[in-house]
């Protein structure tokens, strides 16, 4: 088994990927940015560097401070606030930007980076995008592409599809993957929400650990999920088959992440 990357190495790889995304978006110094779905702040950190001392980032997430691991959202973002970049970032949790009470004014850019699969439905995503169209004229959006370009990416796709299937039957969910939208679905939702897509790019995802993380999460959950008495025999049989396939095709580590698509859209 290859050596596992250290936390520091993971941060460097993830940070470099987000800088490649920013290269697709061209957010200038001094910009005022509203970020949706900030999570632990990986993208927020790079946005704060990009806008410089004269810019500002308001980062929001619909989850609470206690969500996530190994560091929860509150712990991870407190580290950013305590850094030299902290004075140009503001975090808001349990924050639904579609709720009129969460009004932070007007912005030069809205950013949504790998957060759309966390939404519980297409309607919820559409409401958020519609609300953003009233707050800024430019949307910067990036998400995984569900069409693999190589056979090595299929385990990542299968892992997220299994998780999406599991969450689709739950009245409530706290999972990271709830609605794995395809690129075509996302383009339609963005357009239906009042945006016109003006630019597409595909920042390299080579070397990212996200496939391993999603595969590990999927395999670690499946035992508990299949014990759920509400799962019908047919659904259980389907899930068992998908998990069996995933176990056979996934490597112990070093699985290839899906490609991603970075969008720029304007009102």
C-alpha atoms as a PDB file:
ATOM      1  CA  UNK A   1       0.000   0.000   0.000  1.00  0.00           C
ATOM      2  CA  UNK A   2       1.447   3.434  -0.900  1.00  0.00           C
ATOM      3  CA  UNK A   3       2.343   5.827   1.891  1.00  0.00           C
ATOM      4  CA  UNK A   4      -0.623   7.886   3.039  1.00  0.00           C
ATOM      5  CA  UNK A   5      -0.213  11.671   2.671  1.00  0.00           C
ATOM      6  CA  UNK A   6       0.181  13.700   5.850  1.00  0.00           C
ATOM      7  CA  UNK A   7      -2.396  16.318   6.870  1.00  0.00           C
ATOM      8  CA  UNK A   8       0.032  19.006   5.733  1.00  0.00           C
ATOM      9  CA  UNK A   9       0.466  17.349   2.323  1.00  0.00           C
ATOM     10  CA  UNK A  10      -3.308  17.022   1.949  1.00  0.00           C
ATOM     11  CA  UNK A  11      -3.746  20.735   2.710  1.00  0.00           C
ATOM     12  CA  UNK A  12      -1.136  21.639   0.107  1.00  0.00           C
ATOM     13  CA  UNK A  13      -2.803  19.458  -2.557  1.00  0.00           C
ATOM     14  CA  UNK A  14      -6.295  20.744  -1.765  1.00  0.00           C
ATOM     15  CA  UNK A  15      -5.094  24.354  -1.661  1.00  0.00           C
ATOM     16  CA  UNK A  16      -3.374  24.007  -5.037  1.00  0.00           C
ATOM     17  CA  UNK A  17      -6.576  22.605  -6.535  1.00  0.00           C
ATOM     18  CA  UNK A  18      -8.627  25.537  -5.282  1.00  0.00           C
ATOM     19  CA  UNK A  19      -6.096  27.960  -6.721  1.00  0.00           C
ATOM     20  CA  UNK A  20      -6.563  26.231 -10.084  1.00  0.00           C
ATOM     21  CA  UNK A  21     -10.291  26.831  -9.716  1.00  0.00           C
ATOM     22  CA  UNK A  22      -9.657  30.503  -8.961  1.00  0.00           C
ATOM     23  CA  UNK A  23      -7.535  30.744 -12.097  1.00  0.00           C
ATOM     24  CA  UNK A  24     -10.706  29.827 -14.030  1.00  0.00           C
ATOM     25  CA  UNK A  25     -12.753  32.543 -12.350  1.00  0.00           C
ATOM     26  CA  UNK A  26     -10.406  35.561 -12.326  1.00  0.00           C
ATOM     27  CA  UNK A  27     -11.701  37.101  -9.090  1.00  0.00           C
ATOM     28  CA  UNK A  28      -9.615  40.285  -8.725  1.00  0.00           C
ATOM     29  CA  UNK A  29      -8.013  41.883  -5.660  1.00  0.00           C
ATOM     30  CA  UNK A  30     -10.414  44.145  -3.802  1.00  0.00           C
ATOM     31  CA  UNK A  31     -13.501  42.090  -4.677  1.00  0.00           C
ATOM     32  CA  UNK A  32     -16.360  41.595  -2.249  1.00  0.00           C
ATOM     33  CA  UNK A  33     -17.314  37.885  -2.345  1.00  0.00           C
ATOM     34  CA  UNK A  34     -20.249  35.915  -0.923  1.00  0.00           C
ATOM     35  CA  UNK A  35     -19.421  32.213  -0.545  1.00  0.00           C
ATOM     36  CA  UNK A  36     -22.170  29.612  -0.173  1.00  0.00           C
ATOM     37  CA  UNK A  37     -21.409  26.217   1.384  1.00  0.00           C
ATOM     38  CA  UNK A  38     -18.022  27.155   2.807  1.00  0.00           C
ATOM     39  CA  UNK A  39     -17.653  23.976   4.894  1.00  0.00           C
ATOM     40  CA  UNK A  40     -14.322  23.904   6.723  1.00  0.00           C
ATOM     41  CA  UNK A  41     -13.133  26.910   4.732  1.00  0.00           C
ATOM     42  CA  UNK A  42     -10.756  25.350   2.196  1.00  0.00           C
ATOM     43  CA  UNK A  43     -12.037  27.607  -0.579  1.00  0.00           C
ATOM     44  CA  UNK A  44     -12.573  30.514   1.802  1.00  0.00           C
ATOM     45  CA  UNK A  45      -8.886  30.565   2.641  1.00  0.00           C
ATOM     46  CA  UNK A  46      -7.873  30.849  -1.017  1.00  0.00           C
ATOM     47  CA  UNK A  47     -10.590  33.440  -1.683  1.00  0.00           C
ATOM     48  CA  UNK A  48      -9.246  35.563   1.179  1.00  0.00           C
ATOM     49  CA  UNK A  49      -5.781  35.439  -0.377  1.00  0.00           C
ATOM     50  CA  UNK A  50      -7.170  36.308  -3.821  1.00  0.00           C
ATOM     51  CA  UNK A  51      -9.174  39.382  -2.773  1.00  0.00           C
ATOM     52  CA  UNK A  52      -6.261  40.787  -0.777  1.00  0.00           C
ATOM     53  CA  UNK A  53      -6.344  43.265   2.113  1.00  0.00           C
ATOM     54  CA  UNK A  54      -8.833  45.541   0.356  1.00  0.00           C
ATOM     55  CA  UNK A  55     -11.296  42.746  -0.411  1.00  0.00           C
ATOM     56  CA  UNK A  56     -13.709  40.869   1.823  1.00  0.00           C
ATOM     57  CA  UNK A  57     -15.301  37.409   1.958  1.00  0.00           C
ATOM     58  CA  UNK A  58     -18.542  36.546   3.719  1.00  0.00           C
ATOM     59  CA  UNK A  59     -18.654  32.744   3.935  1.00  0.00           C
ATOM     60  CA  UNK A  60     -21.884  30.943   4.787  1.00  0.00           C
ATOM     61  CA  UNK A  61     -22.993  27.365   5.353  1.00  0.00           C
ATOM     62  CA  UNK A  62     -26.404  25.893   6.051  1.00  0.00           C
ATOM     63  CA  UNK A  63     -24.813  23.456   8.532  1.00  0.00           C
ATOM     64  CA  UNK A  64     -23.926  24.320  12.134  1.00  0.00           C
ATOM     65  CA  UNK A  65     -20.514  24.839  13.689  1.00  0.00           C
ATOM     66  CA  UNK A  66     -20.499  21.284  15.067  1.00  0.00           C
ATOM     67  CA  UNK A  67     -20.865  19.637  11.653  1.00  0.00           C
ATOM     68  CA  UNK A  68     -17.981  17.761   9.991  1.00  0.00           C
ATOM     69  CA  UNK A  69     -14.807  15.886  10.919  1.00  0.00           C
ATOM     70  CA  UNK A  70     -11.967  15.458  11.820  1.00  0.00           C
ATOM     71  CA  UNK A  71     -12.279  19.179  12.592  1.00  0.00           C
ATOM     72  CA  UNK A  72     -15.839  20.455  12.660  1.00  0.00           C
ATOM     73  CA  UNK A  73     -16.788  23.613  10.796  1.00  0.00           C
ATOM     74  CA  UNK A  74     -16.378  25.829  13.837  1.00  0.00           C
ATOM     75  CA  UNK A  75     -12.931  24.518  14.752  1.00  0.00           C
ATOM     76  CA  UNK A  76     -11.607  24.717  11.193  1.00  0.00           C
ATOM     77  CA  UNK A  77     -12.907  28.201  10.462  1.00  0.00           C
ATOM     78  CA  UNK A  78     -11.742  29.539  13.840  1.00  0.00           C
ATOM     79  CA  UNK A  79      -8.212  28.726  12.680  1.00  0.00           C
ATOM     80  CA  UNK A  80      -8.771  30.930   9.629  1.00  0.00           C
ATOM     81  CA  UNK A  81     -10.204  33.746  11.747  1.00  0.00           C
ATOM     82  CA  UNK A  82      -7.150  33.558  14.015  1.00  0.00           C
ATOM     83  CA  UNK A  83      -4.758  33.764  11.052  1.00  0.00           C
ATOM     84  CA  UNK A  84      -3.372  36.847   9.332  1.00  0.00           C
ATOM     85  CA  UNK A  85      -6.264  36.579   6.846  1.00  0.00           C
ATOM     86  CA  UNK A  86      -8.940  36.608   9.539  1.00  0.00           C
ATOM     87  CA  UNK A  87      -9.774  40.298   9.259  1.00  0.00           C
ATOM     88  CA  UNK A  88     -10.967  39.878   5.658  1.00  0.00           C
ATOM     89  CA  UNK A  89     -13.310  36.920   6.335  1.00  0.00           C
ATOM     90  CA  UNK A  90     -16.654  36.598   8.119  1.00  0.00           C
ATOM     91  CA  UNK A  91     -18.333  33.226   8.746  1.00  0.00           C
ATOM     92  CA  UNK A  92     -22.051  32.544   9.215  1.00  0.00           C
ATOM     93  CA  UNK A  93     -23.361  29.032  10.025  1.00  0.00           C
ATOM     94  CA  UNK A  94     -26.935  27.701  10.124  1.00  0.00           C
ATOM     95  CA  UNK A  95     -27.348  30.237   7.350  1.00  0.00           C
ATOM     96  CA  UNK A  96     -29.740  29.718   4.445  1.00  0.00           C
ATOM     97  CA  UNK A  97     -29.007  32.523   2.001  1.00  0.00           C
ATOM     98  CA  UNK A  98     -32.468  32.058   0.455  1.00  0.00           C
ATOM     99  CA  UNK A  99     -33.986  33.231   3.761  1.00  0.00           C
ATOM    100  CA  UNK A 100     -34.605  37.019   3.465  1.00  0.00           C
ATOM    101  CA  UNK A 101     -33.325  37.575   7.012  1.00  0.00           C
ATOM    102  CA  UNK A 102     -29.836  36.554   5.865  1.00  0.00           C
ATOM    103  CA  UNK A 103     -29.143  39.679   3.842  1.00  0.00           C
ATOM    104  CA  UNK A 104     -25.509  40.782   3.771  1.00  0.00           C
ATOM    105  CA  UNK A 105     -25.858  43.389   1.031  1.00  0.00           C
ATOM    106  CA  UNK A 106     -24.513  43.367  -2.511  1.00  0.00           C
ATOM    107  CA  UNK A 107     -21.420  41.544  -3.770  1.00  0.00           C
ATOM    108  CA  UNK A 108     -19.121  41.500  -6.780  1.00  0.00           C
ATOM    109  CA  UNK A 109     -19.132  37.693  -6.927  1.00  0.00           C
ATOM    110  CA  UNK A 110     -20.999  34.732  -5.453  1.00  0.00           C
ATOM    111  CA  UNK A 111     -19.010  31.511  -5.081  1.00  0.00           C
ATOM    112  CA  UNK A 112     -20.267  27.932  -4.749  1.00  0.00           C
ATOM    113  CA  UNK A 113     -17.416  25.422  -4.651  1.00  0.00           C
ATOM    114  CA  UNK A 114     -18.237  21.703  -4.418  1.00  0.00           C
ATOM    115  CA  UNK A 115     -21.307  22.290  -2.272  1.00  0.00           C
ATOM    116  CA  UNK A 116     -24.264  21.629  -4.593  1.00  0.00           C
ATOM    117  CA  UNK A 117     -24.346  17.882  -3.831  1.00  0.00           C
ATOM    118  CA  UNK A 118     -24.988  18.793  -0.181  1.00  0.00           C
ATOM    119  CA  UNK A 119     -28.368  20.339  -1.091  1.00  0.00           C
ATOM    120  CA  UNK A 120     -31.348  18.144  -0.275  1.00  0.00           C
ATOM    121  CA  UNK A 121     -33.091  18.760  -3.601  1.00  0.00           C
ATOM    122  CA  UNK A 122     -32.988  20.553  -6.926  1.00  0.00           C
ATOM    123  CA  UNK A 123     -35.670  22.931  -5.618  1.00  0.00           C
ATOM    124  CA  UNK A 124     -33.515  23.979  -2.664  1.00  0.00           C
ATOM    125  CA  UNK A 125     -30.537  24.606  -4.955  1.00  0.00           C
ATOM    126  CA  UNK A 126     -32.739  26.550  -7.375  1.00  0.00           C
ATOM    127  CA  UNK A 127     -34.056  28.748  -4.549  1.00  0.00           C
ATOM    128  CA  UNK A 128     -30.512  29.509  -3.410  1.00  0.00           C
ATOM    129  CA  UNK A 129     -29.318  30.390  -6.904  1.00  0.00           C
ATOM    130  CA  UNK A 130     -32.371  32.588  -7.463  1.00  0.00           C
ATOM    131  CA  UNK A 131     -31.667  34.427  -4.217  1.00  0.00           C
ATOM    132  CA  UNK A 132     -28.040  34.941  -5.276  1.00  0.00           C
ATOM    133  CA  UNK A 133     -29.164  36.538  -8.553  1.00  0.00           C
ATOM    134  CA  UNK A 134     -30.533  39.415  -6.456  1.00  0.00           C
ATOM    135  CA  UNK A 135     -27.247  39.900  -4.567  1.00  0.00           C
ATOM    136  CA  UNK A 136     -24.621  39.825  -7.328  1.00  0.00           C
ATOM    137  CA  UNK A 137     -24.282  39.842 -11.098  1.00  0.00           C
ATOM    138  CA  UNK A 138     -21.614  37.133 -11.335  1.00  0.00           C
ATOM    139  CA  UNK A 139     -21.707  33.538 -10.128  1.00  0.00           C
ATOM    140  CA  UNK A 140     -18.602  31.327  -9.818  1.00  0.00           C
ATOM    141  CA  UNK A 141     -19.602  27.674  -9.461  1.00  0.00           C
ATOM    142  CA  UNK A 142     -17.664  24.402  -9.484  1.00  0.00           C
ATOM    143  CA  UNK A 143     -18.749  20.801  -9.035  1.00  0.00           C
ATOM    144  CA  UNK A 144     -17.659  17.261  -9.887  1.00  0.00           C
ATOM    145  CA  UNK A 145     -18.499  15.958 -13.357  1.00  0.00           C
ATOM    146  CA  UNK A 146     -20.409  12.666 -13.117  1.00  0.00           C
ATOM    147  CA  UNK A 147     -19.176  11.526 -16.537  1.00  0.00           C
ATOM    148  CA  UNK A 148     -15.845   9.736 -15.962  1.00  0.00           C
ATOM    149  CA  UNK A 149     -13.079  10.301 -18.492  1.00  0.00           C
ATOM    150  CA  UNK A 150     -11.166   7.210 -17.359  1.00  0.00           C
ATOM    151  CA  UNK A 151     -11.984   3.833 -15.855  1.00  0.00           C
ATOM    152  CA  UNK A 152      -9.976   4.798 -12.757  1.00  0.00           C
ATOM    153  CA  UNK A 153     -12.612   7.426 -11.871  1.00  0.00           C
ATOM    154  CA  UNK A 154     -15.526   4.980 -11.783  1.00  0.00           C
ATOM    155  CA  UNK A 155     -15.096   3.997  -8.085  1.00  0.00           C
ATOM    156  CA  UNK A 156     -15.489   7.681  -7.101  1.00  0.00           C
ATOM    157  CA  UNK A 157     -18.654   7.938  -9.193  1.00  0.00           C
ATOM    158  CA  UNK A 158     -20.095   4.704  -7.813  1.00  0.00           C
ATOM    159  CA  UNK A 159     -19.398   5.768  -4.216  1.00  0.00           C
ATOM    160  CA  UNK A 160     -21.227   9.091  -4.570  1.00  0.00           C
ATOM    161  CA  UNK A 161     -24.140   7.512  -6.450  1.00  0.00           C
ATOM    162  CA  UNK A 162     -24.588   4.925  -3.689  1.00  0.00           C
ATOM    163  CA  UNK A 163     -24.611   7.682  -1.074  1.00  0.00           C
ATOM    164  CA  UNK A 164     -27.076   9.744  -3.085  1.00  0.00           C
ATOM    165  CA  UNK A 165     -29.362   6.709  -3.379  1.00  0.00           C
ATOM    166  CA  UNK A 166     -29.191   6.107   0.379  1.00  0.00           C
ATOM    167  CA  UNK A 167     -30.037   9.713   1.242  1.00  0.00           C
ATOM    168  CA  UNK A 168     -32.858  10.038  -1.301  1.00  0.00           C
ATOM    169  CA  UNK A 169     -35.141   7.877   0.852  1.00  0.00           C
ATOM    170  CA  UNK A 170     -34.566   9.728   4.127  1.00  0.00           C
ATOM    171  CA  UNK A 171     -36.841  12.503   5.439  1.00  0.00           C
ATOM    172  CA  UNK A 172     -33.771  14.263   6.868  1.00  0.00           C
ATOM    173  CA  UNK A 173     -30.058  13.937   6.170  1.00  0.00           C
ATOM    174  CA  UNK A 174     -26.734  15.245   7.459  1.00  0.00           C
ATOM    175  CA  UNK A 175     -24.620  13.537   4.790  1.00  0.00           C
ATOM    176  CA  UNK A 176     -22.109  15.331   2.583  1.00  0.00           C
ATOM    177  CA  UNK A 177     -23.557  13.732  -0.547  1.00  0.00           C
ATOM    178  CA  UNK A 178     -27.323  14.054  -0.847  1.00  0.00           C
ATOM    179  CA  UNK A 179     -28.021  15.085  -4.446  1.00  0.00           C
ATOM    180  CA  UNK A 180     -25.229  14.148  -6.879  1.00  0.00           C
ATOM    181  CA  UNK A 181     -26.434  16.311  -9.777  1.00  0.00           C
ATOM    182  CA  UNK A 182     -25.038  15.694 -13.250  1.00  0.00           C
ATOM    183  CA  UNK A 183     -23.432  18.526 -15.212  1.00  0.00           C
ATOM    184  CA  UNK A 184     -26.481  18.718 -17.492  1.00  0.00           C
ATOM    185  CA  UNK A 185     -28.803  18.955 -14.493  1.00  0.00           C
ATOM    186  CA  UNK A 186     -26.680  21.706 -12.969  1.00  0.00           C
ATOM    187  CA  UNK A 187     -26.617  23.714 -16.175  1.00  0.00           C
ATOM    188  CA  UNK A 188     -30.408  23.489 -16.348  1.00  0.00           C
ATOM    189  CA  UNK A 189     -30.881  24.491 -12.694  1.00  0.00           C
ATOM    190  CA  UNK A 190     -28.464  27.425 -13.050  1.00  0.00           C
ATOM    191  CA  UNK A 191     -30.304  28.640 -16.157  1.00  0.00           C
ATOM    192  CA  UNK A 192     -33.739  28.204 -14.567  1.00  0.00           C
ATOM    193  CA  UNK A 193     -32.573  30.354 -11.648  1.00  0.00           C
ATOM    194  CA  UNK A 194     -32.012  33.429 -13.811  1.00  0.00           C
ATOM    195  CA  UNK A 195     -28.339  32.936 -14.746  1.00  0.00           C
ATOM    196  CA  UNK A 196     -26.649  32.750 -18.139  1.00  0.00           C
ATOM    197  CA  UNK A 197     -23.539  30.553 -18.229  1.00  0.00           C
ATOM    198  CA  UNK A 198     -20.784  32.435 -20.046  1.00  0.00           C
ATOM    199  CA  UNK A 199     -17.715  30.294 -19.437  1.00  0.00           C
ATOM    200  CA  UNK A 200     -16.811  26.668 -18.672  1.00  0.00           C
ATOM    201  CA  UNK A 201     -13.448  25.260 -17.621  1.00  0.00           C
ATOM    202  CA  UNK A 202     -12.100  21.999 -16.202  1.00  0.00           C
ATOM    203  CA  UNK A 203      -9.428  22.528 -13.536  1.00  0.00           C
ATOM    204  CA  UNK A 204      -7.226  19.482 -13.077  1.00  0.00           C
ATOM    205  CA  UNK A 205      -8.249  17.158 -10.229  1.00  0.00           C
ATOM    206  CA  UNK A 206      -5.150  14.981 -10.497  1.00  0.00           C
ATOM    207  CA  UNK A 207      -3.758  13.934  -7.117  1.00  0.00           C
ATOM    208  CA  UNK A 208      -6.849  14.851  -5.079  1.00  0.00           C
ATOM    209  CA  UNK A 209      -7.847  12.491  -2.261  1.00  0.00           C
ATOM    210  CA  UNK A 210     -11.605  13.032  -2.598  1.00  0.00           C
ATOM    211  CA  UNK A 211     -12.236   9.693  -4.328  1.00  0.00           C
ATOM    212  CA  UNK A 212     -10.602   7.814  -1.444  1.00  0.00           C
ATOM    213  CA  UNK A 213     -12.611   9.834   1.086  1.00  0.00           C
ATOM    214  CA  UNK A 214     -15.959   9.173  -0.595  1.00  0.00           C
ATOM    215  CA  UNK A 215     -15.203   5.476  -1.102  1.00  0.00           C
ATOM    216  CA  UNK A 216     -14.156   5.140   2.539  1.00  0.00           C
ATOM    217  CA  UNK A 217     -17.256   6.971   3.751  1.00  0.00           C
ATOM    218  CA  UNK A 218     -19.497   4.822   1.579  1.00  0.00           C
ATOM    219  CA  UNK A 219     -17.987   1.504   2.694  1.00  0.00           C
ATOM    220  CA  UNK A 220     -17.918   2.483   6.368  1.00  0.00           C
ATOM    221  CA  UNK A 221     -21.625   3.398   6.357  1.00  0.00           C
ATOM    222  CA  UNK A 222     -23.058   0.535   4.393  1.00  0.00           C
ATOM    223  CA  UNK A 223     -23.230  -1.967   7.272  1.00  0.00           C
ATOM    224  CA  UNK A 224     -25.296   0.409   9.394  1.00  0.00           C
ATOM    225  CA  UNK A 225     -27.485   1.421   6.462  1.00  0.00           C
ATOM    226  CA  UNK A 226     -28.331  -2.134   5.439  1.00  0.00           C
ATOM    227  CA  UNK A 227     -29.474  -2.918   8.989  1.00  0.00           C
ATOM    228  CA  UNK A 228     -32.215  -0.293   8.686  1.00  0.00           C
ATOM    229  CA  UNK A 229     -35.503  -2.240   8.966  1.00  0.00           C
ATOM    230  CA  UNK A 230     -37.274   0.257   6.676  1.00  0.00           C
ATOM    231  CA  UNK A 231     -35.158  -0.771   3.682  1.00  0.00           C
ATOM    232  CA  UNK A 232     -37.157  -3.069   1.430  1.00  0.00           C
ATOM    233  CA  UNK A 233     -35.620  -6.380   0.280  1.00  0.00           C
ATOM    234  CA  UNK A 234     -35.350  -5.104  -3.304  1.00  0.00           C
ATOM    235  CA  UNK A 235     -33.513  -1.921  -2.235  1.00  0.00           C
ATOM    236  CA  UNK A 236     -31.231  -3.940   0.055  1.00  0.00           C
ATOM    237  CA  UNK A 237     -30.418  -6.324  -2.786  1.00  0.00           C
ATOM    238  CA  UNK A 238     -29.619  -3.409  -5.114  1.00  0.00           C
ATOM    239  CA  UNK A 239     -27.371  -1.735  -2.538  1.00  0.00           C
ATOM    240  CA  UNK A 240     -25.553  -4.954  -1.731  1.00  0.00           C
ATOM    241  CA  UNK A 241     -24.798  -5.434  -5.413  1.00  0.00           C
ATOM    242  CA  UNK A 242     -23.486  -1.880  -5.822  1.00  0.00           C
ATOM    243  CA  UNK A 243     -21.332  -2.161  -2.689  1.00  0.00           C
ATOM    244  CA  UNK A 244     -19.982  -5.529  -3.847  1.00  0.00           C
ATOM    245  CA  UNK A 245     -18.968  -3.920  -7.150  1.00  0.00           C
ATOM    246  CA  UNK A 246     -17.365  -0.948  -5.383  1.00  0.00           C
ATOM    247  CA  UNK A 247     -15.311  -3.216  -3.131  1.00  0.00           C
ATOM    248  CA  UNK A 248     -14.042  -5.124  -6.162  1.00  0.00           C
ATOM    249  CA  UNK A 249     -13.054  -2.143  -8.319  1.00  0.00           C
ATOM    250  CA  UNK A 250     -11.813   0.353  -5.710  1.00  0.00           C
ATOM    251  CA  UNK A 251      -8.143   0.361  -4.777  1.00  0.00           C
ATOM    252  CA  UNK A 252      -7.054   0.482  -1.107  1.00  0.00           C
ATOM    253  CA  UNK A 253      -5.874   4.062  -1.746  1.00  0.00           C
ATOM    254  CA  UNK A 254      -4.941   6.353  -4.592  1.00  0.00           C
ATOM    255  CA  UNK A 255      -8.274   6.163  -6.434  1.00  0.00           C
ATOM    256  CA  UNK A 256      -8.692   8.825  -9.110  1.00  0.00           C
ATOM    257  CA  UNK A 257     -11.040  11.728  -8.456  1.00  0.00           C
ATOM    258  CA  UNK A 258     -13.680  12.652 -10.987  1.00  0.00           C
ATOM    259  CA  UNK A 259     -13.075  15.666 -13.196  1.00  0.00           C
ATOM    260  CA  UNK A 260     -14.688  18.933 -12.218  1.00  0.00           C
ATOM    261  CA  UNK A 261     -16.387  21.693 -14.152  1.00  0.00           C
ATOM    262  CA  UNK A 262     -15.967  25.354 -13.201  1.00  0.00           C
ATOM    263  CA  UNK A 263     -18.707  27.703 -14.402  1.00  0.00           C
ATOM    264  CA  UNK A 264     -18.989  31.450 -14.683  1.00  0.00           C
ATOM    265  CA  UNK A 265     -22.554  32.735 -14.983  1.00  0.00           C
ATOM    266  CA  UNK A 266     -24.022  36.223 -15.149  1.00  0.00           C
ATOM    267  CA  UNK A 267     -27.445  37.671 -14.508  1.00  0.00           C
END
